[in-house]
N, C-alpha and C. Protein backbone atom coordinates (compact mmCIF):
# COMPACT_ATOMS: atom_id res chain seq x y z
N MET A 1 60.20 165.77 6.02
CA MET A 1 60.60 166.97 5.28
C MET A 1 59.73 168.08 5.54
N LYS A 2 60.13 169.28 5.60
CA LYS A 2 59.22 170.41 5.70
C LYS A 2 59.62 171.42 4.61
N GLY A 3 58.74 171.57 3.61
CA GLY A 3 59.03 172.47 2.49
C GLY A 3 60.20 172.07 1.76
N GLY A 4 60.51 170.75 1.65
CA GLY A 4 61.62 170.34 0.92
C GLY A 4 62.96 170.45 1.83
N ARG A 5 62.81 170.76 3.06
CA ARG A 5 64.01 170.79 4.02
C ARG A 5 63.92 169.61 4.84
N GLU A 6 65.03 169.18 5.41
CA GLU A 6 65.10 168.06 6.46
C GLU A 6 64.47 168.45 7.68
N VAL A 7 63.90 167.62 8.49
CA VAL A 7 63.30 167.91 9.73
C VAL A 7 64.35 168.48 10.69
N PRO A 8 64.06 169.33 11.49
CA PRO A 8 65.03 169.87 12.43
C PRO A 8 65.47 168.73 13.45
N VAL A 9 66.74 168.78 13.70
CA VAL A 9 67.39 167.79 14.51
C VAL A 9 66.66 167.59 15.78
N ASP A 10 66.22 168.62 16.49
CA ASP A 10 65.51 168.66 17.70
C ASP A 10 64.25 167.83 17.60
N LEU A 11 63.55 167.82 16.56
CA LEU A 11 62.33 167.03 16.40
C LEU A 11 62.72 165.52 16.46
N TRP A 12 63.79 165.23 15.67
CA TRP A 12 64.27 163.88 15.67
C TRP A 12 64.75 163.47 17.07
N ARG A 13 65.45 164.34 17.68
CA ARG A 13 65.88 164.00 19.06
C ARG A 13 64.84 163.78 19.99
N LEU A 14 63.83 164.62 19.87
CA LEU A 14 62.66 164.37 20.84
C LEU A 14 61.99 163.03 20.63
N VAL A 15 61.80 162.73 19.28
CA VAL A 15 61.31 161.38 19.00
C VAL A 15 62.12 160.27 19.51
N GLU A 16 63.53 160.33 19.31
CA GLU A 16 64.37 159.40 19.91
C GLU A 16 64.28 159.30 21.32
N GLU A 17 64.21 160.39 21.99
CA GLU A 17 64.06 160.40 23.50
C GLU A 17 62.76 159.74 23.95
N ALA A 18 61.75 159.80 23.18
CA ALA A 18 60.54 159.21 23.59
C ALA A 18 60.53 157.63 23.33
N VAL A 19 61.17 157.09 22.20
CA VAL A 19 60.98 155.70 21.84
C VAL A 19 62.24 154.88 22.17
N GLU A 20 63.43 155.44 22.50
CA GLU A 20 64.54 154.58 22.86
C GLU A 20 64.20 153.72 24.11
N PRO A 21 63.70 154.24 25.17
CA PRO A 21 63.41 153.46 26.35
C PRO A 21 62.49 152.22 26.05
N LEU A 22 61.85 152.31 24.86
CA LEU A 22 60.84 151.19 24.46
C LEU A 22 61.54 150.20 23.60
N GLY A 23 62.86 150.34 23.38
CA GLY A 23 63.57 149.50 22.54
C GLY A 23 63.38 149.62 21.11
N LEU A 24 62.95 150.87 20.65
CA LEU A 24 62.72 151.15 19.26
C LEU A 24 63.69 152.15 18.67
N GLU A 25 63.91 152.09 17.37
CA GLU A 25 64.85 152.97 16.66
C GLU A 25 64.15 153.81 15.72
N VAL A 26 64.45 155.03 15.53
CA VAL A 26 63.80 156.09 14.62
C VAL A 26 64.52 155.87 13.26
N LEU A 27 63.67 155.67 12.30
CA LEU A 27 64.17 155.40 10.97
C LEU A 27 63.82 156.73 10.19
N GLU A 28 62.70 157.41 10.44
CA GLU A 28 62.37 158.54 9.67
C GLU A 28 61.49 159.44 10.45
N VAL A 29 61.70 160.70 10.27
CA VAL A 29 60.74 161.71 10.77
C VAL A 29 60.47 162.71 9.70
N LYS A 30 59.28 162.94 9.33
CA LYS A 30 58.90 163.94 8.28
C LYS A 30 57.84 164.84 8.84
N GLU A 31 58.01 166.05 8.64
CA GLU A 31 57.00 167.13 8.93
C GLU A 31 56.42 167.71 7.72
N ALA A 32 55.09 167.74 7.61
CA ALA A 32 54.37 168.47 6.66
C ALA A 32 53.30 169.32 7.28
N PRO A 33 52.74 170.24 6.52
CA PRO A 33 51.75 171.05 7.26
C PRO A 33 50.53 170.28 7.85
N GLY A 34 50.49 170.39 9.23
CA GLY A 34 49.46 169.68 9.96
C GLY A 34 49.76 168.24 10.09
N GLU A 35 50.91 167.85 9.95
CA GLU A 35 51.29 166.26 10.13
C GLU A 35 52.65 166.03 10.41
N VAL A 36 52.94 165.09 11.29
CA VAL A 36 54.28 164.60 11.49
C VAL A 36 54.25 163.08 11.46
N LEU A 37 55.00 162.54 10.52
CA LEU A 37 55.09 161.11 10.19
C LEU A 37 56.45 160.55 10.90
N VAL A 38 56.23 159.46 11.68
CA VAL A 38 57.42 158.89 12.32
C VAL A 38 57.34 157.31 11.94
N ARG A 39 58.52 156.94 11.51
CA ARG A 39 58.68 155.47 11.12
C ARG A 39 59.69 154.91 12.07
N LEU A 40 59.32 153.75 12.63
CA LEU A 40 60.19 153.08 13.63
C LEU A 40 60.38 151.62 13.33
N GLU A 41 61.45 151.04 14.02
CA GLU A 41 61.65 149.67 14.01
C GLU A 41 62.17 149.23 15.43
N ARG A 42 62.08 147.93 15.70
CA ARG A 42 62.51 147.49 16.85
C ARG A 42 64.02 147.30 16.77
N LYS A 43 64.65 147.64 17.96
CA LYS A 43 66.17 147.54 17.95
C LYS A 43 66.71 145.99 17.98
N ASP A 44 65.75 145.20 18.40
CA ASP A 44 66.09 143.76 18.35
C ASP A 44 65.89 143.10 17.02
N GLU A 45 65.40 143.87 16.11
CA GLU A 45 65.12 143.52 14.72
C GLU A 45 64.01 142.51 14.50
N ARG A 46 63.26 142.29 15.63
CA ARG A 46 62.01 141.51 15.44
C ARG A 46 60.96 142.32 14.73
N PRO A 47 59.90 141.82 14.15
CA PRO A 47 58.81 142.64 13.47
C PRO A 47 58.17 143.52 14.53
N ILE A 48 57.91 144.66 14.06
CA ILE A 48 57.33 145.64 14.94
C ILE A 48 55.69 145.33 15.04
N SER A 49 55.15 145.51 16.17
CA SER A 49 53.74 145.12 16.39
C SER A 49 52.89 146.40 16.44
N VAL A 50 51.70 146.21 16.35
CA VAL A 50 50.68 147.38 16.61
C VAL A 50 50.88 147.84 17.99
N ALA A 51 51.01 146.94 19.02
CA ALA A 51 51.17 147.31 20.37
C ALA A 51 52.34 148.21 20.61
N ASP A 52 53.50 147.87 19.81
CA ASP A 52 54.74 148.67 19.81
C ASP A 52 54.48 150.09 19.34
N LEU A 53 53.73 150.14 18.26
CA LEU A 53 53.48 151.49 17.59
C LEU A 53 52.54 152.32 18.53
N GLU A 54 51.51 151.70 19.19
CA GLU A 54 50.69 152.34 20.18
C GLU A 54 51.49 152.94 21.31
N ARG A 55 52.46 152.02 21.95
CA ARG A 55 53.20 152.63 23.06
C ARG A 55 54.08 153.72 22.60
N ALA A 56 54.63 153.63 21.38
CA ALA A 56 55.60 154.58 20.82
C ALA A 56 54.72 155.92 20.59
N SER A 57 53.49 155.79 20.13
CA SER A 57 52.71 157.03 19.83
C SER A 57 52.37 157.75 21.10
N ARG A 58 52.07 156.98 22.17
CA ARG A 58 51.79 157.61 23.52
C ARG A 58 53.01 158.35 24.06
N ALA A 59 54.15 157.68 23.94
CA ALA A 59 55.45 158.22 24.41
C ALA A 59 55.75 159.55 23.60
N ILE A 60 55.65 159.51 22.36
CA ILE A 60 55.92 160.70 21.49
C ILE A 60 54.98 161.79 21.95
N GLU A 61 53.75 161.47 21.94
CA GLU A 61 52.71 162.53 22.32
C GLU A 61 53.03 163.15 23.64
N ALA A 62 53.48 162.36 24.62
CA ALA A 62 53.80 162.95 25.95
C ALA A 62 55.01 163.86 25.86
N VAL A 63 56.07 163.55 25.11
CA VAL A 63 57.25 164.32 24.94
C VAL A 63 56.90 165.63 24.17
N PHE A 64 56.02 165.48 23.09
CA PHE A 64 55.65 166.75 22.23
C PHE A 64 54.69 167.57 23.08
N ASP A 65 53.85 167.00 23.90
CA ASP A 65 53.00 167.90 24.82
C ASP A 65 53.91 168.70 25.81
N ARG A 66 54.95 168.03 26.37
CA ARG A 66 55.86 168.71 27.23
C ARG A 66 56.65 169.78 26.57
N GLU A 67 57.13 169.48 25.32
CA GLU A 67 58.16 170.37 24.74
C GLU A 67 57.59 171.33 23.74
N ASP A 68 56.36 170.95 23.21
CA ASP A 68 55.50 171.78 22.25
C ASP A 68 56.46 172.15 21.03
N PRO A 69 57.05 171.23 20.31
CA PRO A 69 57.94 171.59 19.33
C PRO A 69 57.32 172.10 17.96
N ILE A 70 55.97 171.81 17.85
CA ILE A 70 55.27 172.13 16.61
C ILE A 70 54.05 173.11 16.86
N PRO A 71 54.17 174.28 16.28
CA PRO A 71 53.15 175.26 16.53
C PRO A 71 51.77 174.84 15.87
N GLY A 72 50.67 175.19 16.58
CA GLY A 72 49.45 174.79 15.98
C GLY A 72 49.08 173.29 16.26
N SER A 73 47.99 173.02 15.59
CA SER A 73 47.57 171.58 15.63
C SER A 73 48.20 170.68 14.57
N TYR A 74 48.34 169.45 14.84
CA TYR A 74 48.87 168.58 13.84
C TYR A 74 48.43 167.11 14.18
N ARG A 75 48.56 166.24 13.17
CA ARG A 75 48.26 164.88 13.28
C ARG A 75 49.66 164.12 13.42
N LEU A 76 49.75 163.24 14.39
CA LEU A 76 50.97 162.47 14.57
C LEU A 76 50.65 160.96 14.04
N LEU A 77 51.43 160.56 13.11
CA LEU A 77 51.28 159.31 12.49
C LEU A 77 52.56 158.54 12.79
N VAL A 78 52.40 157.40 13.48
CA VAL A 78 53.53 156.43 13.79
C VAL A 78 53.28 155.05 13.11
N GLU A 79 54.35 154.78 12.34
CA GLU A 79 54.25 153.63 11.40
C GLU A 79 55.43 152.79 11.57
N SER A 80 55.29 151.44 11.01
CA SER A 80 56.38 150.59 10.71
C SER A 80 57.07 151.11 9.35
N PRO A 81 58.30 150.68 9.16
CA PRO A 81 58.89 151.27 7.88
C PRO A 81 58.27 150.74 6.57
N GLY A 82 57.65 149.61 6.55
CA GLY A 82 57.04 149.16 5.34
C GLY A 82 57.98 148.68 4.36
N PRO A 83 57.66 148.39 3.16
CA PRO A 83 58.56 147.68 2.09
C PRO A 83 59.64 148.69 1.65
N LYS A 84 59.41 149.93 1.62
CA LYS A 84 60.51 150.92 1.19
C LYS A 84 61.20 151.45 2.22
N ARG A 85 61.53 150.83 3.31
CA ARG A 85 62.21 151.18 4.48
C ARG A 85 63.52 151.94 4.20
N PRO A 86 63.88 152.93 4.99
CA PRO A 86 65.07 153.64 4.80
C PRO A 86 66.27 152.74 5.45
N LEU A 87 67.34 152.93 4.70
CA LEU A 87 68.60 152.27 5.09
C LEU A 87 69.70 153.37 5.16
N PHE A 88 70.30 153.44 6.40
CA PHE A 88 71.39 154.43 6.42
C PHE A 88 72.52 154.12 7.47
N THR A 89 72.29 153.07 8.31
CA THR A 89 73.38 152.63 9.12
C THR A 89 74.02 151.49 8.63
N ARG A 90 75.19 151.16 9.12
CA ARG A 90 75.92 149.89 8.74
C ARG A 90 75.07 148.71 8.99
N ARG A 91 74.49 148.57 10.13
CA ARG A 91 73.63 147.40 10.49
C ARG A 91 72.56 147.28 9.42
N HIS A 92 71.93 148.39 9.01
CA HIS A 92 70.85 148.23 8.04
C HIS A 92 71.35 147.55 6.78
N PHE A 93 72.49 147.94 6.27
CA PHE A 93 73.05 147.40 5.02
C PHE A 93 73.36 145.95 5.22
N GLU A 94 73.95 145.70 6.44
CA GLU A 94 74.44 144.20 6.62
C GLU A 94 73.14 143.34 6.73
N ARG A 95 72.18 143.86 7.42
CA ARG A 95 70.94 143.15 7.68
C ARG A 95 70.13 142.74 6.30
N PHE A 96 70.25 143.61 5.35
CA PHE A 96 69.56 143.52 3.97
C PHE A 96 70.49 143.19 2.82
N GLN A 97 71.70 142.71 3.22
CA GLN A 97 72.67 142.32 2.12
C GLN A 97 72.02 141.26 1.22
N GLY A 98 72.24 141.42 -0.06
CA GLY A 98 71.75 140.50 -0.98
C GLY A 98 70.43 141.09 -1.59
N LEU A 99 69.80 142.00 -1.05
CA LEU A 99 68.55 142.58 -1.60
C LEU A 99 68.89 143.95 -2.37
N LYS A 100 67.98 144.32 -3.22
CA LYS A 100 68.12 145.56 -3.98
C LYS A 100 67.72 146.75 -3.02
N ALA A 101 68.48 147.89 -3.29
CA ALA A 101 68.21 149.12 -2.64
C ALA A 101 68.32 150.19 -3.66
N LYS A 102 67.44 151.31 -3.41
CA LYS A 102 67.49 152.44 -4.30
C LYS A 102 68.16 153.57 -3.62
N VAL A 103 69.12 154.23 -4.20
CA VAL A 103 69.80 155.36 -3.77
C VAL A 103 69.26 156.58 -4.58
N PRO A 104 68.46 157.44 -3.90
CA PRO A 104 67.99 158.57 -4.68
C PRO A 104 68.99 159.59 -4.90
N GLY A 105 68.62 160.60 -5.80
CA GLY A 105 69.49 161.76 -6.13
C GLY A 105 69.87 161.79 -7.51
N PRO A 106 70.49 162.93 -7.91
CA PRO A 106 70.89 163.08 -9.27
C PRO A 106 71.75 161.98 -9.91
N GLU A 107 72.49 161.37 -9.17
CA GLU A 107 73.39 160.25 -9.66
C GLU A 107 72.88 159.01 -9.04
N GLY A 108 71.52 158.98 -8.56
CA GLY A 108 71.02 157.81 -7.88
C GLY A 108 70.96 156.49 -8.73
N PHE A 109 70.69 155.47 -8.17
CA PHE A 109 70.77 154.10 -8.85
C PHE A 109 69.99 153.12 -8.01
N THR A 110 69.71 151.91 -8.58
CA THR A 110 69.15 150.84 -7.86
C THR A 110 70.13 149.76 -8.08
N GLY A 111 70.57 149.06 -6.94
CA GLY A 111 71.52 148.09 -7.04
C GLY A 111 71.44 147.15 -5.94
N ARG A 112 72.07 145.98 -6.06
CA ARG A 112 72.00 144.90 -5.06
C ARG A 112 73.03 145.21 -4.04
N ILE A 113 72.68 145.12 -2.78
CA ILE A 113 73.66 145.24 -1.75
C ILE A 113 74.54 144.07 -1.62
N LEU A 114 75.80 144.14 -1.97
CA LEU A 114 76.76 142.97 -2.06
C LEU A 114 77.31 142.79 -0.60
N ARG A 115 77.86 143.82 0.02
CA ARG A 115 78.56 143.66 1.25
C ARG A 115 78.94 145.03 1.81
N VAL A 116 79.32 145.02 3.03
CA VAL A 116 79.74 146.20 3.77
C VAL A 116 81.24 146.01 4.04
N GLU A 117 82.14 146.88 3.60
CA GLU A 117 83.57 146.82 3.87
C GLU A 117 83.91 148.02 4.57
N GLU A 118 84.41 147.86 5.74
CA GLU A 118 84.88 148.96 6.64
C GLU A 118 83.79 150.05 6.75
N ASP A 119 83.91 151.20 6.11
CA ASP A 119 82.92 152.30 6.24
C ASP A 119 82.19 152.45 4.89
N GLU A 120 82.27 151.40 4.04
CA GLU A 120 81.49 151.61 2.64
C GLU A 120 80.61 150.44 2.47
N VAL A 121 79.49 150.83 1.65
CA VAL A 121 78.55 149.74 1.15
C VAL A 121 78.98 149.59 -0.26
N VAL A 122 79.02 148.25 -0.70
CA VAL A 122 79.29 147.90 -2.02
C VAL A 122 78.02 147.36 -2.63
N PHE A 123 77.58 148.01 -3.72
CA PHE A 123 76.39 147.68 -4.51
C PHE A 123 76.83 147.09 -5.78
N GLN A 124 75.99 146.19 -6.39
CA GLN A 124 76.07 145.65 -7.71
C GLN A 124 75.16 146.44 -8.52
N VAL A 125 75.59 147.23 -9.49
CA VAL A 125 74.78 148.07 -10.38
C VAL A 125 75.13 147.62 -11.76
N GLY A 126 74.26 146.84 -12.42
CA GLY A 126 74.55 146.45 -13.69
C GLY A 126 75.76 145.38 -13.58
N GLN A 127 76.75 145.61 -14.43
CA GLN A 127 77.93 144.76 -14.37
C GLN A 127 79.04 145.39 -13.40
N GLU A 128 78.73 146.50 -12.87
CA GLU A 128 79.81 147.15 -12.06
C GLU A 128 79.39 147.19 -10.52
N GLU A 129 80.51 147.40 -9.70
CA GLU A 129 80.36 147.57 -8.35
C GLU A 129 80.49 149.16 -8.07
N ARG A 130 79.53 149.63 -7.17
CA ARG A 130 79.56 150.97 -6.78
C ARG A 130 79.73 151.10 -5.26
N ARG A 131 80.64 151.92 -4.78
CA ARG A 131 80.84 152.05 -3.44
C ARG A 131 80.43 153.35 -2.86
N LEU A 132 79.72 153.36 -1.61
CA LEU A 132 79.40 154.61 -1.09
C LEU A 132 79.76 154.59 0.40
N LYS A 133 80.15 155.66 0.88
CA LYS A 133 80.54 155.80 2.33
C LYS A 133 79.32 155.89 3.18
N ILE A 134 79.23 155.06 4.19
CA ILE A 134 78.14 155.05 5.08
C ILE A 134 78.15 156.45 5.79
N GLY A 135 76.97 156.98 5.95
CA GLY A 135 76.74 158.28 6.54
C GLY A 135 76.70 159.43 5.53
N THR A 136 77.09 159.14 4.36
CA THR A 136 76.91 160.19 3.28
C THR A 136 75.85 160.10 2.43
N PHE A 137 74.89 159.06 2.64
CA PHE A 137 73.77 158.85 1.81
C PHE A 137 72.71 158.07 2.62
N ARG A 138 71.48 158.10 2.04
CA ARG A 138 70.39 157.21 2.59
C ARG A 138 69.93 156.46 1.34
N ALA A 139 69.45 155.26 1.63
CA ALA A 139 68.73 154.41 0.50
C ALA A 139 67.50 153.89 0.97
N ASN A 140 66.64 153.37 0.13
CA ASN A 140 65.50 152.74 0.48
C ASN A 140 65.51 151.26 -0.04
N LEU A 141 64.99 150.37 0.74
CA LEU A 141 64.82 148.99 0.20
C LEU A 141 64.04 148.97 -1.05
N ALA A 142 64.43 148.24 -2.06
CA ALA A 142 63.79 148.25 -3.30
C ALA A 142 63.04 146.89 -3.60
N GLU A 143 63.40 145.92 -2.64
CA GLU A 143 62.63 144.65 -2.72
C GLU A 143 62.51 144.13 -1.25
N TRP A 144 61.62 143.34 -1.00
CA TRP A 144 61.35 142.91 0.39
C TRP A 144 61.79 141.41 0.51
N PRO A 145 62.41 141.07 1.63
CA PRO A 145 62.77 139.58 1.79
C PRO A 145 61.66 138.76 1.99
N GLU A 146 61.77 137.51 1.66
CA GLU A 146 60.79 136.46 1.76
C GLU A 146 60.35 136.33 3.35
N GLU A 147 61.44 136.25 4.07
CA GLU A 147 61.27 136.18 5.48
C GLU A 147 61.72 137.45 6.17
N PRO A 148 61.09 137.88 7.25
CA PRO A 148 61.42 139.13 8.00
C PRO A 148 62.88 138.98 8.43
N ARG A 149 63.62 140.11 8.34
CA ARG A 149 65.03 140.15 8.71
C ARG A 149 65.25 141.26 9.85
């Protein structure tokens, strides 16, 4: 985010251009004064390694050097998603079904991901089920699985 705004699509697109050939998926791009944070995961869903992150960092640097999307100097941070990983695609919710996720916002909640039905994610929130349409929200994993998924 930049000053409370979403990152320009062009910056996200440039990061995707750099890491897709490496078999990586962009989960998050945040821009702050003097810093760009990129969180990635492997498309094959295996745990991301330090070597993967190093290759991604070099590829992103090369694209940023060529396109110069950020004025002035900045620090590029390339990370794995960590325990509060963002969830926003159908596959993300399917992959972490059964675990708790936090949906931020004014009417946000924390609930267990029960299932994905067509274009909706069904959460268990207290004694009720809540449904949200995929693509209209982002969530973060609120608990980590015992085994990598």
